[in-house]
Amino acid sequence: MSKRSSKQTAKAKDTRRISQMRNLGPAVERDLNAVGIVTAQQVIDLGPEGAFLKMLEGKAQKGTAAKAVHAAWLYALYAAIHDLDWRDVPEKVKTEFKQLTAEIRESGYYR
């Protein structure tokens, strides 16, 4: 395969703003931008858990993280990455996200 054809088959980076992703609006974009996540590709690369945890760290610095420890954030991020309506996130994934957020709340780290 030539260099030219391999470049053509390489997946293009997603340079959309976060608020242009399905399920994510200006408030989510603001929270993620505050921690250096500014493109859809960064959300995709971090995955829902990674983006969520970075967002929580940013909110913790402002003292507002406790209110954000909710699985709905993860549903929205997962659905945005997979171009789904957030209500269509598979039940198994929702259960995993609920467990993760419960563990985070129980840890007492974000108060």
PDB file of N, CA and C in Angstrom:
ATOM      1  N   MET A   1       0.859  -1.175   0.000  1.00  0.00           N
ATOM      2  CA  MET A   1       0.000   0.000   0.000  1.00  0.00           C
ATOM      3  C   MET A   1       0.903   1.236   0.000  1.00  0.00           C
ATOM      4  N   SER A   2       0.585   2.188  -0.826  1.00  0.00           N
ATOM      5  CA  SER A   2       1.392   3.406  -0.903  1.00  0.00           C
ATOM      6  C   SER A   2       1.099   4.318   0.284  1.00  0.00           C
ATOM      7  N   LYS A   3       2.030   5.260   0.509  1.00  0.00           N
ATOM      8  CA  LYS A   3       1.818   6.219   1.596  1.00  0.00           C
ATOM      9  C   LYS A   3       0.544   7.002   1.392  1.00  0.00           C
ATOM     10  N   ARG A   4       0.292   7.370   0.167  1.00  0.00           N
ATOM     11  CA  ARG A   4      -0.897   8.176  -0.116  1.00  0.00           C
ATOM     12  C   ARG A   4      -2.172   7.423   0.246  1.00  0.00           C
ATOM     13  N   SER A   5      -2.283   6.173  -0.162  1.00  0.00           N
ATOM     14  CA  SER A   5      -3.512   5.433   0.133  1.00  0.00           C
ATOM     15  C   SER A   5      -3.644   5.135   1.616  1.00  0.00           C
ATOM     16  N   SER A   6      -2.526   4.915   2.326  1.00  0.00           N
ATOM     17  CA  SER A   6      -2.642   4.668   3.760  1.00  0.00           C
ATOM     18  C   SER A   6      -3.084   5.932   4.485  1.00  0.00           C
ATOM     19  N   LYS A   7      -2.674   7.101   4.014  1.00  0.00           N
ATOM     20  CA  LYS A   7      -3.130   8.347   4.609  1.00  0.00           C
ATOM     21  C   LYS A   7      -4.612   8.554   4.354  1.00  0.00           C
ATOM     22  N   GLN A   8      -5.069   8.163   3.194  1.00  0.00           N
ATOM     23  CA  GLN A   8      -6.477   8.332   2.868  1.00  0.00           C
ATOM     24  C   GLN A   8      -7.352   7.434   3.726  1.00  0.00           C
ATOM     25  N   THR A   9      -6.826   6.292   4.137  1.00  0.00           N
ATOM     26  CA  THR A   9      -7.632   5.376   4.935  1.00  0.00           C
ATOM     27  C   THR A   9      -7.527   5.680   6.433  1.00  0.00           C
ATOM     28  N   ALA A  10      -6.558   6.494   6.819  1.00  0.00           N
ATOM     29  CA  ALA A  10      -6.441   6.860   8.227  1.00  0.00           C
ATOM     30  C   ALA A  10      -7.679   7.642   8.657  1.00  0.00           C
ATOM     31  N   LYS A  11      -8.138   7.342   9.844  1.00  0.00           N
ATOM     32  CA  LYS A  11      -9.343   7.995  10.345  1.00  0.00           C
ATOM     33  C   LYS A  11      -9.048   9.455  10.678  1.00  0.00           C
ATOM     34  N   ALA A  12      -9.886  10.326  10.210  1.00  0.00           N
ATOM     35  CA  ALA A  12      -9.721  11.760  10.469  1.00  0.00           C
ATOM     36  C   ALA A  12     -10.037  12.069  11.927  1.00  0.00           C
ATOM     37  N   LYS A  13      -9.323  13.031  12.470  1.00  0.00           N
ATOM     38  CA  LYS A  13      -9.586  13.470  13.839  1.00  0.00           C
ATOM     39  C   LYS A  13     -10.896  14.246  13.870  1.00  0.00           C
ATOM     40  N   ASP A  14     -11.641  14.077  14.947  1.00  0.00           N
ATOM     41  CA  ASP A  14     -12.930  14.753  15.110  1.00  0.00           C
ATOM     42  C   ASP A  14     -12.684  16.105  15.776  1.00  0.00           C
ATOM     43  N   THR A  15     -12.712  17.157  14.999  1.00  0.00           N
ATOM     44  CA  THR A  15     -12.400  18.497  15.502  1.00  0.00           C
ATOM     45  C   THR A  15     -13.640  19.278  15.938  1.00  0.00           C
ATOM     46  N   ARG A  16     -14.788  18.621  15.971  1.00  0.00           N
ATOM     47  CA  ARG A  16     -15.996  19.325  16.413  1.00  0.00           C
ATOM     48  C   ARG A  16     -15.842  19.826  17.830  1.00  0.00           C
ATOM     49  N   ARG A  17     -16.560  20.913  18.104  1.00  0.00           N
ATOM     50  CA  ARG A  17     -16.671  21.372  19.488  1.00  0.00           C
ATOM     51  C   ARG A  17     -17.478  20.337  20.259  1.00  0.00           C
ATOM     52  N   ILE A  18     -17.262  20.273  21.538  1.00  0.00           N
ATOM     53  CA  ILE A  18     -17.958  19.300  22.382  1.00  0.00           C
ATOM     54  C   ILE A  18     -19.466  19.494  22.307  1.00  0.00           C
ATOM     55  N   SER A  19     -19.918  20.725  22.276  1.00  0.00           N
ATOM     56  CA  SER A  19     -21.365  20.985  22.229  1.00  0.00           C
ATOM     57  C   SER A  19     -21.993  20.582  20.904  1.00  0.00           C
ATOM     58  N   GLN A  20     -21.179  20.208  19.935  1.00  0.00           N
ATOM     59  CA  GLN A  20     -21.715  19.723  18.664  1.00  0.00           C
ATOM     60  C   GLN A  20     -21.922  18.206  18.681  1.00  0.00           C
ATOM     61  N   MET A  21     -21.487  17.558  19.762  1.00  0.00           N
ATOM     62  CA  MET A  21     -21.709  16.122  19.901  1.00  0.00           C
ATOM     63  C   MET A  21     -23.129  15.903  20.413  1.00  0.00           C
ATOM     64  N   ARG A  22     -23.695  14.796  20.031  1.00  0.00           N
ATOM     65  CA  ARG A  22     -25.038  14.440  20.480  1.00  0.00           C
ATOM     66  C   ARG A  22     -25.064  14.352  22.003  1.00  0.00           C
ATOM     67  N   ASN A  23     -26.096  14.875  22.622  1.00  0.00           N
ATOM     68  CA  ASN A  23     -26.349  14.842  24.071  1.00  0.00           C
ATOM     69  C   ASN A  23     -25.538  15.837  24.897  1.00  0.00           C
ATOM     70  N   LEU A  24     -24.549  16.490  24.307  1.00  0.00           N
ATOM     71  CA  LEU A  24     -23.683  17.382  25.089  1.00  0.00           C
ATOM     72  C   LEU A  24     -23.936  18.821  24.671  1.00  0.00           C
ATOM     73  N   GLY A  25     -24.192  19.659  25.652  1.00  0.00           N
ATOM     74  CA  GLY A  25     -24.499  21.053  25.366  1.00  0.00           C
ATOM     75  C   GLY A  25     -23.441  21.992  25.911  1.00  0.00           C
ATOM     76  N   PRO A  26     -23.777  23.266  25.945  1.00  0.00           N
ATOM     77  CA  PRO A  26     -22.817  24.290  26.373  1.00  0.00           C
ATOM     78  C   PRO A  26     -22.308  24.116  27.806  1.00  0.00           C
ATOM     79  N   ALA A  27     -23.141  23.645  28.712  1.00  0.00           N
ATOM     80  CA  ALA A  27     -22.702  23.484  30.106  1.00  0.00           C
ATOM     81  C   ALA A  27     -21.636  22.394  30.209  1.00  0.00           C
ATOM     82  N   VAL A  28     -21.851  21.280  29.540  1.00  0.00           N
ATOM     83  CA  VAL A  28     -20.864  20.195  29.542  1.00  0.00           C
ATOM     84  C   VAL A  28     -19.586  20.684  28.855  1.00  0.00           C
ATOM     85  N   GLU A  29     -19.761  21.386  27.750  1.00  0.00           N
ATOM     86  CA  GLU A  29     -18.603  21.914  27.032  1.00  0.00           C
ATOM     87  C   GLU A  29     -17.783  22.837  27.936  1.00  0.00           C
ATOM     88  N   ARG A  30     -18.439  23.702  28.677  1.00  0.00           N
ATOM     89  CA  ARG A  30     -17.755  24.614  29.597  1.00  0.00           C
ATOM     90  C   ARG A  30     -16.959  23.846  30.652  1.00  0.00           C
ATOM     91  N   ASP A  31     -17.616  22.836  31.244  1.00  0.00           N
ATOM     92  CA  ASP A  31     -16.955  22.057  32.290  1.00  0.00           C
ATOM     93  C   ASP A  31     -15.742  21.295  31.746  1.00  0.00           C
ATOM     94  N   LEU A  32     -15.871  20.744  30.550  1.00  0.00           N
ATOM     95  CA  LEU A  32     -14.755  20.006  29.970  1.00  0.00           C
ATOM     96  C   LEU A  32     -13.663  20.951  29.473  1.00  0.00           C
ATOM     97  N   ASN A  33     -14.060  22.073  28.875  1.00  0.00           N
ATOM     98  CA  ASN A  33     -13.069  23.063  28.433  1.00  0.00           C
ATOM     99  C   ASN A  33     -12.231  23.550  29.607  1.00  0.00           C
ATOM    100  N   ALA A  34     -12.840  23.665  30.783  1.00  0.00           N
ATOM    101  CA  ALA A  34     -12.142  24.161  31.971  1.00  0.00           C
ATOM    102  C   ALA A  34     -10.980  23.257  32.377  1.00  0.00           C
ATOM    103  N   VAL A  35     -11.019  21.993  31.942  1.00  0.00           N
ATOM    104  CA  VAL A  35      -9.930  21.062  32.265  1.00  0.00           C
ATOM    105  C   VAL A  35      -9.120  20.687  31.022  1.00  0.00           C
ATOM    106  N   GLY A  36      -9.241  21.506  29.980  1.00  0.00           N
ATOM    107  CA  GLY A  36      -8.414  21.321  28.795  1.00  0.00           C
ATOM    108  C   GLY A  36      -8.958  20.378  27.746  1.00  0.00           C
ATOM    109  N   ILE A  37     -10.177  19.918  27.912  1.00  0.00           N
ATOM    110  CA  ILE A  37     -10.807  19.049  26.912  1.00  0.00           C
ATOM    111  C   ILE A  37     -11.659  19.956  26.038  1.00  0.00           C
ATOM    112  N   VAL A  38     -11.238  20.150  24.779  1.00  0.00           N
ATOM    113  CA  VAL A  38     -11.914  21.142  23.939  1.00  0.00           C
ATOM    114  C   VAL A  38     -12.479  20.596  22.634  1.00  0.00           C
ATOM    115  N   THR A  39     -12.137  19.362  22.286  1.00  0.00           N
ATOM    116  CA  THR A  39     -12.658  18.806  21.032  1.00  0.00           C
ATOM    117  C   THR A  39     -13.361  17.475  21.286  1.00  0.00           C
ATOM    118  N   ALA A  40     -14.193  17.119  20.332  1.00  0.00           N
ATOM    119  CA  ALA A  40     -14.867  15.823  20.379  1.00  0.00           C
ATOM    120  C   ALA A  40     -13.831  14.699  20.409  1.00  0.00           C
ATOM    121  N   GLN A  41     -12.737  14.848  19.664  1.00  0.00           N
ATOM    122  CA  GLN A  41     -11.714  13.805  19.615  1.00  0.00           C
ATOM    123  C   GLN A  41     -11.102  13.553  20.987  1.00  0.00           C
ATOM    124  N   GLN A  42     -10.910  14.599  21.750  1.00  0.00           N
ATOM    125  CA  GLN A  42     -10.366  14.425  23.100  1.00  0.00           C
ATOM    126  C   GLN A  42     -11.335  13.633  23.979  1.00  0.00           C
ATOM    127  N   VAL A  43     -12.621  13.898  23.841  1.00  0.00           N
ATOM    128  CA  VAL A  43     -13.625  13.135  24.594  1.00  0.00           C
ATOM    129  C   VAL A  43     -13.574  11.675  24.157  1.00  0.00           C
ATOM    130  N   ILE A  44     -13.508  11.443  22.859  1.00  0.00           N
ATOM    131  CA  ILE A  44     -13.448  10.082  22.318  1.00  0.00           C
ATOM    132  C   ILE A  44     -12.200   9.368  22.828  1.00  0.00           C
ATOM    133  N   ASP A  45     -11.054  10.046  22.762  1.00  0.00           N
ATOM    134  CA  ASP A  45      -9.790   9.433  23.192  1.00  0.00           C
ATOM    135  C   ASP A  45      -9.774   9.111  24.681  1.00  0.00           C
ATOM    136  N   LEU A  46     -10.336   9.986  25.502  1.00  0.00           N
ATOM    137  CA  LEU A  46     -10.375   9.761  26.951  1.00  0.00           C
ATOM    138  C   LEU A  46     -11.400   8.712  27.341  1.00  0.00           C
ATOM    139  N   GLY A  47     -12.448   8.593  26.552  1.00  0.00           N
ATOM    140  CA  GLY A  47     -13.552   7.711  26.900  1.00  0.00           C
ATOM    141  C   GLY A  47     -14.437   8.379  27.933  1.00  0.00           C
ATOM    142  N   PRO A  48     -15.617   7.837  28.172  1.00  0.00           N
ATOM    143  CA  PRO A  48     -16.539   8.483  29.111  1.00  0.00           C
ATOM    144  C   PRO A  48     -15.974   8.584  30.530  1.00  0.00           C
ATOM    145  N   GLU A  49     -15.335   7.509  31.003  1.00  0.00           N
ATOM    146  CA  GLU A  49     -14.809   7.531  32.369  1.00  0.00           C
ATOM    147  C   GLU A  49     -13.678   8.537  32.511  1.00  0.00           C
ATOM    148  N   GLY A  50     -12.753   8.554  31.559  1.00  0.00           N
ATOM    149  CA  GLY A  50     -11.622   9.473  31.627  1.00  0.00           C
ATOM    150  C   GLY A  50     -12.048  10.925  31.580  1.00  0.00           C
ATOM    151  N   ALA A  51     -12.961  11.241  30.666  1.00  0.00           N
ATOM    152  CA  ALA A  51     -13.458  12.618  30.566  1.00  0.00           C
ATOM    153  C   ALA A  51     -14.213  13.002  31.837  1.00  0.00           C
ATOM    154  N   PHE A  52     -15.012  12.089  32.361  1.00  0.00           N
ATOM    155  CA  PHE A  52     -15.777  12.333  33.578  1.00  0.00           C
ATOM    156  C   PHE A  52     -14.852  12.614  34.760  1.00  0.00           C
ATOM    157  N   LEU A  53     -13.832  11.788  34.933  1.00  0.00           N
ATOM    158  CA  LEU A  53     -12.923  11.963  36.066  1.00  0.00           C
ATOM    159  C   LEU A  53     -12.129  13.264  35.961  1.00  0.00           C
ATOM    160  N   LYS A  54     -11.718  13.631  34.748  1.00  0.00           N
ATOM    161  CA  LYS A  54     -11.028  14.921  34.571  1.00  0.00           C
ATOM    162  C   LYS A  54     -11.962  16.068  34.917  1.00  0.00           C
ATOM    163  N   MET A  55     -13.212  15.960  34.471  1.00  0.00           N
ATOM    164  CA  MET A  55     -14.199  16.998  34.776  1.00  0.00           C
ATOM    165  C   MET A  55     -14.406  17.107  36.282  1.00  0.00           C
ATOM    166  N   LEU A  56     -14.494  15.964  36.978  1.00  0.00           N
ATOM    167  CA  LEU A  56     -14.668  15.984  38.429  1.00  0.00           C
ATOM    168  C   LEU A  56     -13.486  16.658  39.115  1.00  0.00           C
ATOM    169  N   GLU A  57     -12.283  16.382  38.644  1.00  0.00           N
ATOM    170  CA  GLU A  57     -11.103  17.019  39.241  1.00  0.00           C
ATOM    171  C   GLU A  57     -11.180  18.538  39.087  1.00  0.00           C
ATOM    172  N   GLY A  58     -11.598  18.991  37.909  1.00  0.00           N
ATOM    173  CA  GLY A  58     -11.748  20.428  37.693  1.00  0.00           C
ATOM    174  C   GLY A  58     -12.802  21.027  38.602  1.00  0.00           C
ATOM    175  N   LYS A  59     -13.913  20.317  38.757  1.00  0.00           N
ATOM    176  CA  LYS A  59     -14.978  20.801  39.635  1.00  0.00           C
ATOM    177  C   LYS A  59     -14.535  20.767  41.102  1.00  0.00           C
ATOM    178  N   ALA A  60     -13.705  19.793  41.450  1.00  0.00           N
ATOM    179  CA  ALA A  60     -13.219  19.704  42.829  1.00  0.00           C
ATOM    180  C   ALA A  60     -12.391  20.939  43.179  1.00  0.00           C
ATOM    181  N   GLN A  61     -11.636  21.421  42.237  1.00  0.00           N
ATOM    182  CA  GLN A  61     -10.834  22.622  42.477  1.00  0.00           C
ATOM    183  C   GLN A  61     -11.719  23.835  42.756  1.00  0.00           C
ATOM    184  N   LYS A  62     -12.936  23.814  42.223  1.00  0.00           N
ATOM    185  CA  LYS A  62     -13.880  24.913  42.462  1.00  0.00           C
ATOM    186  C   LYS A  62     -14.828  24.600  43.614  1.00  0.00           C
ATOM    187  N   GLY A  63     -14.742  23.385  44.162  1.00  0.00           N
ATOM    188  CA  GLY A  63     -15.610  22.999  45.269  1.00  0.00           C
ATOM    189  C   GLY A  63     -17.013  22.602  44.835  1.00  0.00           C
ATOM    190  N   THR A  64     -17.181  22.218  43.582  1.00  0.00           N
ATOM    191  CA  THR A  64     -18.521  21.868  43.086  1.00  0.00           C
ATOM    192  C   THR A  64     -18.616  20.431  42.573  1.00  0.00           C
ATOM    193  N   ALA A  65     -17.644  19.592  42.878  1.00  0.00           N
ATOM    194  CA  ALA A  65     -17.623  18.235  42.328  1.00  0.00           C
ATOM    195  C   ALA A  65     -18.722  17.341  42.878  1.00  0.00           C
ATOM    196  N   ALA A  66     -19.058  17.471  44.148  1.00  0.00           N
ATOM    197  CA  ALA A  66     -20.003  16.549  44.777  1.00  0.00           C
ATOM    198  C   ALA A  66     -21.333  16.481  44.036  1.00  0.00           C
ATOM    199  N   LYS A  67     -21.802  17.603  43.559  1.00  0.00           N
ATOM    200  CA  LYS A  67     -23.079  17.623  42.841  1.00  0.00           C
ATOM    201  C   LYS A  67     -22.995  16.949  41.479  1.00  0.00           C
ATOM    202  N   ALA A  68     -21.791  16.777  40.940  1.00  0.00           N
ATOM    203  CA  ALA A  68     -21.620  16.224  39.596  1.00  0.00           C
ATOM    204  C   ALA A  68     -21.366  14.718  39.590  1.00  0.00           C
ATOM    205  N   VAL A  69     -21.274  14.094  40.755  1.00  0.00           N
ATOM    206  CA  VAL A  69     -21.005  12.659  40.796  1.00  0.00           C
ATOM    207  C   VAL A  69     -22.314  11.920  40.553  1.00  0.00           C
ATOM    208  N   HIS A  70     -22.672  11.856  39.289  1.00  0.00           N
ATOM    209  CA  HIS A  70     -23.929  11.227  38.902  1.00  0.00           C
ATOM    210  C   HIS A  70     -23.727  10.461  37.607  1.00  0.00           C
ATOM    211  N   ALA A  71     -24.317   9.285  37.517  1.00  0.00           N
ATOM    212  CA  ALA A  71     -24.156   8.430  36.340  1.00  0.00           C
ATOM    213  C   ALA A  71     -24.685   9.073  35.066  1.00  0.00           C
ATOM    214  N   ALA A  72     -25.605  10.014  35.176  1.00  0.00           N
ATOM    215  CA  ALA A  72     -26.156  10.663  33.978  1.00  0.00           C
ATOM    216  C   ALA A  72     -25.060  11.336  33.152  1.00  0.00           C
ATOM    217  N   TRP A  73     -24.044  11.880  33.812  1.00  0.00           N
ATOM    218  CA  TRP A  73     -22.904  12.463  33.087  1.00  0.00           C
ATOM    219  C   TRP A  73     -22.261  11.393  32.208  1.00  0.00           C
ATOM    220  N   LEU A  74     -22.040  10.235  32.782  1.00  0.00           N
ATOM    221  CA  LEU A  74     -21.403   9.144  32.051  1.00  0.00           C
ATOM    222  C   LEU A  74     -22.284   8.650  30.910  1.00  0.00           C
ATOM    223  N   TYR A  75     -23.599   8.573  31.144  1.00  0.00           N
ATOM    224  CA  TYR A  75     -24.511   8.167  30.066  1.00  0.00           C
ATOM    225  C   TYR A  75     -24.368   9.123  28.887  1.00  0.00           C
ATOM    226  N   ALA A  76     -24.380  10.425  29.187  1.00  0.00           N
ATOM    227  CA  ALA A  76     -24.311  11.432  28.121  1.00  0.00           C
ATOM    228  C   ALA A  76     -22.987  11.343  27.368  1.00  0.00           C
ATOM    229  N   LEU A  77     -21.882  11.189  28.085  1.00  0.00           N
ATOM    230  CA  LEU A  77     -20.579  11.093  27.438  1.00  0.00           C
ATOM    231  C   LEU A  77     -20.468   9.827  26.591  1.00  0.00           C
ATOM    232  N   TYR A  78     -20.899   8.710  27.134  1.00  0.00           N
ATOM    233  CA  TYR A  78     -20.872   7.440  26.397  1.00  0.00           C
ATOM    234  C   TYR A  78     -21.718   7.551  25.127  1.00  0.00           C
ATOM    235  N   ALA A  79     -22.913   8.071  25.293  1.00  0.00           N
ATOM    236  CA  ALA A  79     -23.821   8.190  24.146  1.00  0.00           C
ATOM    237  C   ALA A  79     -23.268   9.156  23.097  1.00  0.00           C
ATOM    238  N   ALA A  80     -22.631  10.227  23.538  1.00  0.00           N
ATOM    239  CA  ALA A  80     -22.044  11.183  22.591  1.00  0.00           C
ATOM    240  C   ALA A  80     -20.943  10.507  21.776  1.00  0.00           C
ATOM    241  N   ILE A  81     -20.108   9.734  22.432  1.00  0.00           N
ATOM    242  CA  ILE A  81     -19.015   9.035  21.753  1.00  0.00           C
ATOM    243  C   ILE A  81     -19.552   8.028  20.745  1.00  0.00           C
ATOM    244  N   HIS A  82     -20.650   7.372  21.098  1.00  0.00           N
ATOM    245  CA  HIS A  82     -21.223   6.325  20.247  1.00  0.00           C
ATOM    246  C   HIS A  82     -22.383   6.823  19.371  1.00  0.00           C
ATOM    247  N   ASP A  83     -22.620   8.134  19.393  1.00  0.00           N
ATOM    248  CA  ASP A  83     -23.686   8.765  18.619  1.00  0.00           C
ATOM    249  C   ASP A  83     -25.041   8.093  18.861  1.00  0.00           C
ATOM    250  N   LEU A  84     -25.370   7.954  20.139  1.00  0.00           N
ATOM    251  CA  LEU A  84     -26.649   7.384  20.573  1.00  0.00           C
ATOM    252  C   LEU A  84     -27.416   8.425  21.374  1.00  0.00           C
ATOM    253  N   ASP A  85     -28.721   8.251  21.460  1.00  0.00           N
ATOM    254  CA  ASP A  85     -29.488   9.008  22.438  1.00  0.00           C
ATOM    255  C   ASP A  85     -29.074   8.468  23.806  1.00  0.00           C
ATOM    256  N   TRP A  86     -28.938   9.314  24.799  1.00  0.00           N
ATOM    257  CA  TRP A  86     -28.461   8.868  26.109  1.00  0.00           C
ATOM    258  C   TRP A  86     -29.361   7.809  26.722  1.00  0.00           C
ATOM    259  N   ARG A  87     -30.632   7.796  26.354  1.00  0.00           N
ATOM    260  CA  ARG A  87     -31.562   6.786  26.890  1.00  0.00           C
ATOM    261  C   ARG A  87     -31.324   5.417  26.280  1.00  0.00           C
ATOM    262  N   ASP A  88     -30.531   5.352  25.202  1.00  0.00           N
ATOM    263  CA  ASP A  88     -30.262   4.084  24.528  1.00  0.00           C
ATOM    264  C   ASP A  88     -28.940   3.444  24.947  1.00  0.00           C
ATOM    265  N   VAL A  89     -28.312   3.977  25.977  1.00  0.00           N
ATOM    266  CA  VAL A  89     -27.094   3.359  26.503  1.00  0.00           C
ATOM    267  C   VAL A  89     -27.485   1.976  27.022  1.00  0.00           C
ATOM    268  N   PRO A  90     -26.737   0.938  26.659  1.00  0.00           N
ATOM    269  CA  PRO A  90     -27.083  -0.417  27.109  1.00  0.00           C
ATOM    270  C   PRO A  90     -27.165  -0.521  28.638  1.00  0.00           C
ATOM    271  N   GLU A  91     -28.109  -1.310  29.112  1.00  0.00           N
ATOM    272  CA  GLU A  91     -28.329  -1.458  30.555  1.00  0.00           C
ATOM    273  C   GLU A  91     -27.073  -1.923  31.281  1.00  0.00           C
ATOM    274  N   LYS A  92     -26.305  -2.820  30.676  1.00  0.00           N
ATOM    275  CA  LYS A  92     -25.068  -3.295  31.306  1.00  0.00           C
ATOM    276  C   LYS A  92     -24.108  -2.129  31.535  1.00  0.00           C
ATOM    277  N   VAL A  93     -23.999  -1.240  30.573  1.00  0.00           N
ATOM    278  CA  VAL A  93     -23.118  -0.075  30.686  1.00  0.00           C
ATOM    279  C   VAL A  93     -23.651   0.870  31.755  1.00  0.00           C
ATOM    280  N   LYS A  94     -24.969   1.087  31.769  1.00  0.00           N
ATOM    281  CA  LYS A  94     -25.571   1.949  32.796  1.00  0.00           C
ATOM    282  C   LYS A  94     -25.272   1.416  34.190  1.00  0.00           C
ATOM    283  N   THR A  95     -25.382   0.104  34.360  1.00  0.00           N
ATOM    284  CA  THR A  95     -25.106  -0.517  35.657  1.00  0.00           C
ATOM    285  C   THR A  95     -23.657  -0.271  36.073  1.00  0.00           C
ATOM    286  N   GLU A  96     -22.734  -0.420  35.130  1.00  0.00           N
ATOM    287  CA  GLU A  96     -21.314  -0.168  35.424  1.00  0.00           C
ATOM    288  C   GLU A  96     -21.095   1.285  35.833  1.00  0.00           C
ATOM    289  N   PHE A  97     -21.759   2.218  35.141  1.00  0.00           N
ATOM    290  CA  PHE A  97     -21.611   3.636  35.469  1.00  0.00           C
ATOM    291  C   PHE A  97     -22.223   3.954  36.838  1.00  0.00           C
ATOM    292  N   LYS A  98     -23.334   3.325  37.152  1.00  0.00           N
ATOM    293  CA  LYS A  98     -23.950   3.532  38.468  1.00  0.00           C
ATOM    294  C   LYS A  98     -23.021   3.021  39.569  1.00  0.00           C
ATOM    295  N   GLN A  99     -22.389   1.868  39.333  1.00  0.00           N
ATOM    296  CA  GLN A  99     -21.446   1.325  40.319  1.00  0.00           C
ATOM    297  C   GLN A  99     -20.252   2.262  40.496  1.00  0.00           C
ATOM    298  N   LEU A 100     -19.723   2.767  39.395  1.00  0.00           N
ATOM    299  CA  LEU A 100     -18.579   3.669  39.448  1.00  0.00           C
ATOM    300  C   LEU A 100     -18.915   4.924  40.247  1.00  0.00           C
ATOM    301  N   THR A 101     -20.051   5.539  39.941  1.00  0.00           N
ATOM    302  CA  THR A 101     -20.397   6.772  40.657  1.00  0.00           C
ATOM    303  C   THR A 101     -20.714   6.497  42.126  1.00  0.00           C
ATOM    304  N   ALA A 102     -21.284   5.345  42.422  1.00  0.00           N
ATOM    305  CA  ALA A 102     -21.535   4.985  43.827  1.00  0.00           C
ATOM    306  C   ALA A 102     -20.203   4.838  44.568  1.00  0.00           C
ATOM    307  N   GLU A 103     -19.228   4.188  43.937  1.00  0.00           N
ATOM    308  CA  GLU A 103     -17.908   4.026  44.548  1.00  0.00           C
ATOM    309  C   GLU A 103     -17.244   5.385  44.777  1.00  0.00           C
ATOM    310  N   ILE A 104     -17.373   6.278  43.813  1.00  0.00           N
ATOM    311  CA  ILE A 104     -16.786   7.612  43.951  1.00  0.00           C
ATOM    312  C   ILE A 104     -17.435   8.364  45.112  1.00  0.00           C
ATOM    313  N   ARG A 105     -18.772   8.308  45.184  1.00  0.00           N
ATOM    314  CA  ARG A 105     -19.478   8.984  46.284  1.00  0.00           C
ATOM    315  C   ARG A 105     -19.074   8.389  47.633  1.00  0.00           C
ATOM    316  N   GLU A 106     -19.023   7.043  47.702  1.00  0.00           N
ATOM    317  CA  GLU A 106     -18.674   6.367  48.955  1.00  0.00           C
ATOM    318  C   GLU A 106     -17.248   6.659  49.383  1.00  0.00           C
ATOM    319  N   SER A 107     -16.370   6.949  48.440  1.00  0.00           N
ATOM    320  CA  SER A 107     -14.975   7.223  48.778  1.00  0.00           C
ATOM    321  C   SER A 107     -14.852   8.503  49.599  1.00  0.00           C
ATOM    322  N   GLY A 108     -15.837   9.402  49.463  1.00  0.00           N
ATOM    323  CA  GLY A 108     -15.792  10.653  50.179  1.00  0.00           C
ATOM    324  C   GLY A 108     -14.811  11.663  49.608  1.00  0.00           C
ATOM    325  N   TYR A 109     -14.185  11.323  48.489  1.00  0.00           N
ATOM    326  CA  TYR A 109     -13.182  12.201  47.895  1.00  0.00           C
ATOM    327  C   TYR A 109     -13.778  13.525  47.425  1.00  0.00           C
ATOM    328  N   TYR A 110     -14.966  13.465  46.860  1.00  0.00           N
ATOM    329  CA  TYR A 110     -15.625  14.691  46.361  1.00  0.00           C
ATOM    330  C   TYR A 110     -16.753  15.054  47.304  1.00  0.00           C
ATOM    331  N   ARG A 111     -16.509  16.022  48.172  1.00  0.00           N
ATOM    332  CA  ARG A 111     -17.542  16.470  49.122  1.00  0.00           C
ATOM    333  C   ARG A 111     -17.839  17.918  48.897  1.00  0.00           C
TER     334      ARG A 111
END
